[in-house]
Amino acid sequence: MKFAAIAALLTLASGSLYAQNVEVKNAWVRASVQGQKATGAFMQITASQPTTLVGAASPVAGVAEVHEMKMDGDVMRMRALPQGLPLPAGKPVALTPGGYHVMLMDLNTTLPKDSTIPLTLVFKDAKGQESRIELKLPVATTAPGGAAPAAPAAHGAAGHKH
C-alpha cells in the first residue's frame, strides 16, 4: 500500500515537472458574429524540448484542429496538420492569422469581443507522452501587439514527433 502511494506521488511530481515543457504567450481568439461557424485562435508557443502541438479542444466548438495557411502559387490554402505542428526546442512558434493557427469550427455560440473562452491544447513529446494545457483566451478582433489584449502566459507540457 505504501509503495502504491509513493508511486502515485512520484507520478504526480514528474507530471508537474513535465508540465513546464511548454510556454504559451499572447493567446487570443478572433471574435465571431451571429451565425458564424468558424474562427481562429492564435498565440506564441515555446517548448523547452522538441514537442508537437497535436490537437486542441474547446466547449465552444464542435471541432478544433491545428491548421496551416500558406500560399500555393497565387492561391492562399488552408489545411489541417494531421501530424501536428512541430515545436523545436527553445524556438518560439507563432500561431498567427494567415499562418499556423488553431481552427475552431462548428461554433455553438457567438464569441463576442472582450469575453473569454476555454481552450485545451494537446501536445506530445519525442517519447510520445501526451500532455495538455488548459487556457482561458480573451476574445478580440485584432492581434496582441497590434491592438488586442495579451493573455497571461500559461505553462504546461507537451511533445510529439511526426
Protein backbone atom coordinates (compact mmCIF):
# COMPACT_ATOMS: atom_id res chain seq x y z
CA MET A 1 0.00 0.00 0.00
CA LYS A 2 2.81 2.41 0.91
CA PHE A 3 4.57 1.56 -2.35
CA ALA A 4 1.43 2.42 -4.37
CA ALA A 5 1.10 5.77 -2.57
CA ILE A 6 4.76 6.61 -3.17
CA ALA A 7 4.47 5.60 -6.83
CA ALA A 8 1.38 7.81 -7.20
CA LEU A 9 3.19 10.78 -5.64
CA LEU A 10 6.21 10.27 -7.89
CA THR A 11 3.92 10.14 -10.92
CA LEU A 12 2.29 13.42 -9.88
CA ALA A 13 5.67 15.02 -9.20
CA SER A 14 7.07 14.01 -12.59
CA GLY A 15 3.88 15.30 -14.23
CA SER A 16 4.41 18.67 -12.57
CA LEU A 17 7.98 18.89 -13.86
CA TYR A 18 6.87 17.77 -17.27
CA ALA A 19 4.19 20.45 -17.24
CA GLN A 20 6.90 23.09 -17.50
CA ASN A 21 7.94 22.00 -21.02
CA VAL A 22 5.71 24.44 -22.93
CA GLU A 23 5.02 28.15 -22.51
CA VAL A 24 2.12 29.89 -24.24
CA LYS A 25 2.11 33.69 -24.61
CA ASN A 26 -0.20 36.27 -26.15
CA ALA A 27 -3.01 33.79 -26.74
CA TRP A 28 -6.29 35.13 -28.14
CA VAL A 29 -9.23 34.07 -30.29
CA ARG A 30 -10.87 36.14 -33.02
CA ALA A 31 -14.39 37.37 -32.21
CA SER A 32 -17.30 35.95 -34.20
CA VAL A 33 -20.70 37.25 -35.20
CA GLN A 34 -24.15 35.67 -35.08
CA GLY A 35 -24.31 32.70 -37.46
CA GLN A 36 -20.53 32.48 -37.98
CA LYS A 37 -19.43 28.85 -37.72
CA ALA A 38 -15.62 29.15 -37.53
CA THR A 39 -12.85 31.31 -36.11
CA GLY A 40 -9.19 31.04 -35.22
CA ALA A 41 -7.10 31.02 -32.05
CA PHE A 42 -3.61 32.49 -32.11
CA MET A 43 -0.61 32.55 -29.76
CA GLN A 44 3.13 32.07 -29.40
CA ILE A 45 4.30 28.67 -28.14
CA THR A 46 7.80 27.86 -26.93
CA ALA A 47 8.79 24.34 -25.90
CA SER A 48 11.92 23.62 -23.88
CA GLN A 49 12.19 20.17 -25.53
CA PRO A 50 11.21 19.02 -29.03
CA THR A 51 7.44 18.81 -28.86
CA THR A 52 4.47 18.77 -31.24
CA LEU A 53 1.13 20.52 -30.89
CA VAL A 54 -1.15 17.64 -31.92
CA GLY A 55 -4.62 18.88 -31.08
CA ALA A 56 -6.98 21.25 -29.38
CA ALA A 57 -10.48 21.28 -27.91
CA SER A 58 -12.95 23.88 -26.69
CA PRO A 59 -16.53 23.59 -25.49
CA VAL A 60 -17.45 26.49 -27.82
CA ALA A 61 -16.56 24.45 -30.93
CA GLY A 62 -17.63 21.07 -32.24
CA VAL A 63 -14.23 20.70 -33.91
CA ALA A 64 -10.83 22.22 -33.10
CA GLU A 65 -7.84 21.49 -35.34
CA VAL A 66 -4.28 22.69 -35.79
CA HIS A 67 -4.18 24.38 -39.22
CA GLU A 68 -1.71 25.98 -41.60
CA MET A 69 -2.35 28.70 -44.18
CA LYS A 70 0.21 29.16 -46.93
CA MET A 71 0.50 30.36 -50.49
CA ASP A 72 0.22 27.70 -53.19
CA GLY A 73 1.12 29.60 -56.33
CA ASP A 74 -1.28 32.55 -56.35
CA VAL A 75 -3.81 30.90 -54.01
CA MET A 76 -3.84 31.00 -50.21
CA ARG A 77 -4.67 27.50 -48.95
CA MET A 78 -5.66 26.34 -45.50
CA ARG A 79 -5.27 22.78 -44.33
CA ALA A 80 -5.30 20.75 -41.14
CA LEU A 81 -1.96 19.40 -39.94
CA PRO A 82 -2.87 15.77 -39.16
CA GLN A 83 0.63 15.09 -37.79
CA GLY A 84 0.55 18.28 -35.71
CA LEU A 85 2.79 21.33 -35.57
CA PRO A 86 6.41 20.67 -34.58
CA LEU A 87 7.76 22.91 -31.81
CA PRO A 88 11.58 22.90 -31.90
CA ALA A 89 13.31 23.16 -28.52
CA GLY A 90 13.77 26.75 -27.39
CA LYS A 91 12.38 28.35 -30.57
CA PRO A 92 9.12 30.31 -30.35
CA VAL A 93 6.50 29.21 -32.88
CA ALA A 94 3.93 31.85 -33.79
CA LEU A 95 0.33 30.91 -34.48
CA THR A 96 -0.96 33.95 -36.38
CA PRO A 97 -3.74 34.96 -38.76
CA GLY A 98 -2.60 33.88 -42.22
CA GLY A 99 -0.20 31.26 -40.82
CA TYR A 100 -0.37 28.43 -38.31
CA HIS A 101 -3.42 28.64 -36.04
CA VAL A 102 -5.98 26.62 -34.10
CA MET A 103 -9.15 26.49 -36.17
CA LEU A 104 -12.38 26.40 -34.14
CA MET A 105 -15.23 25.07 -36.29
CA ASP A 106 -18.90 24.28 -35.75
CA LEU A 107 -19.12 27.11 -33.22
CA ASN A 108 -22.08 26.58 -30.90
CA THR A 109 -22.14 30.18 -29.67
CA THR A 110 -21.17 33.67 -30.76
CA LEU A 111 -17.78 34.79 -29.42
CA PRO A 112 -18.20 38.48 -28.53
CA LYS A 113 -15.23 40.80 -28.19
CA ASP A 114 -13.97 41.17 -24.58
CA SER A 115 -15.31 37.76 -23.50
CA THR A 116 -13.12 34.71 -22.81
CA ILE A 117 -13.25 31.08 -23.90
CA PRO A 118 -11.60 27.92 -22.59
CA LEU A 119 -9.17 26.15 -24.91
CA THR A 120 -7.23 22.97 -24.26
CA LEU A 121 -4.02 22.37 -26.23
CA VAL A 122 -2.74 18.81 -26.60
CA PHE A 123 0.95 18.05 -27.07
CA LYS A 124 3.20 15.02 -27.47
CA ASP A 125 6.88 14.88 -26.69
CA ALA A 126 9.58 12.96 -28.56
CA LYS A 127 8.78 9.85 -26.48
CA GLY A 128 5.08 10.05 -27.40
CA GLN A 129 3.96 11.19 -23.94
CA GLU A 130 0.82 13.31 -24.20
CA SER A 131 0.14 16.40 -22.12
CA ARG A 132 -2.39 19.22 -22.07
CA ILE A 133 -2.57 22.91 -21.24
CA GLU A 134 -5.85 24.48 -20.19
CA LEU A 135 -6.12 28.12 -21.28
CA LYS A 136 -8.66 30.93 -20.97
CA LEU A 137 -8.33 33.00 -24.14
CA PRO A 138 -9.53 36.58 -24.49
CA VAL A 139 -11.78 37.18 -27.48
CA ALA A 140 -10.58 40.12 -29.61
CA THR A 141 -10.82 41.49 -33.13
CA THR A 142 -7.09 42.06 -33.73
CA ALA A 143 -3.79 40.55 -32.63
CA PRO A 144 -1.88 41.44 -29.47
CA GLY A 145 0.84 43.96 -30.11
CA GLY A 146 -1.33 45.18 -32.95
CA ALA A 147 -4.17 46.13 -30.62
CA ALA A 148 -5.75 43.10 -28.97
CA PRO A 149 -5.18 42.20 -25.31
CA ALA A 150 -2.42 39.78 -24.46
CA ALA A 151 -3.38 36.75 -22.40
CA PRO A 152 -1.36 35.91 -19.31
CA ALA A 153 1.28 33.30 -20.03
CA ALA A 154 0.24 29.74 -19.32
CA HIS A 155 2.57 26.85 -18.68
CA GLY A 156 2.12 23.19 -19.44
CA ALA A 157 3.74 20.18 -21.04
CA ALA A 158 3.98 18.79 -24.48
CA GLY A 159 5.61 16.97 -27.36
CA HIS A 160 5.18 14.62 -30.36
CA LYS A 161 7.21 13.55 -33.36
CA HIS A 162 5.80 13.17 -36.86
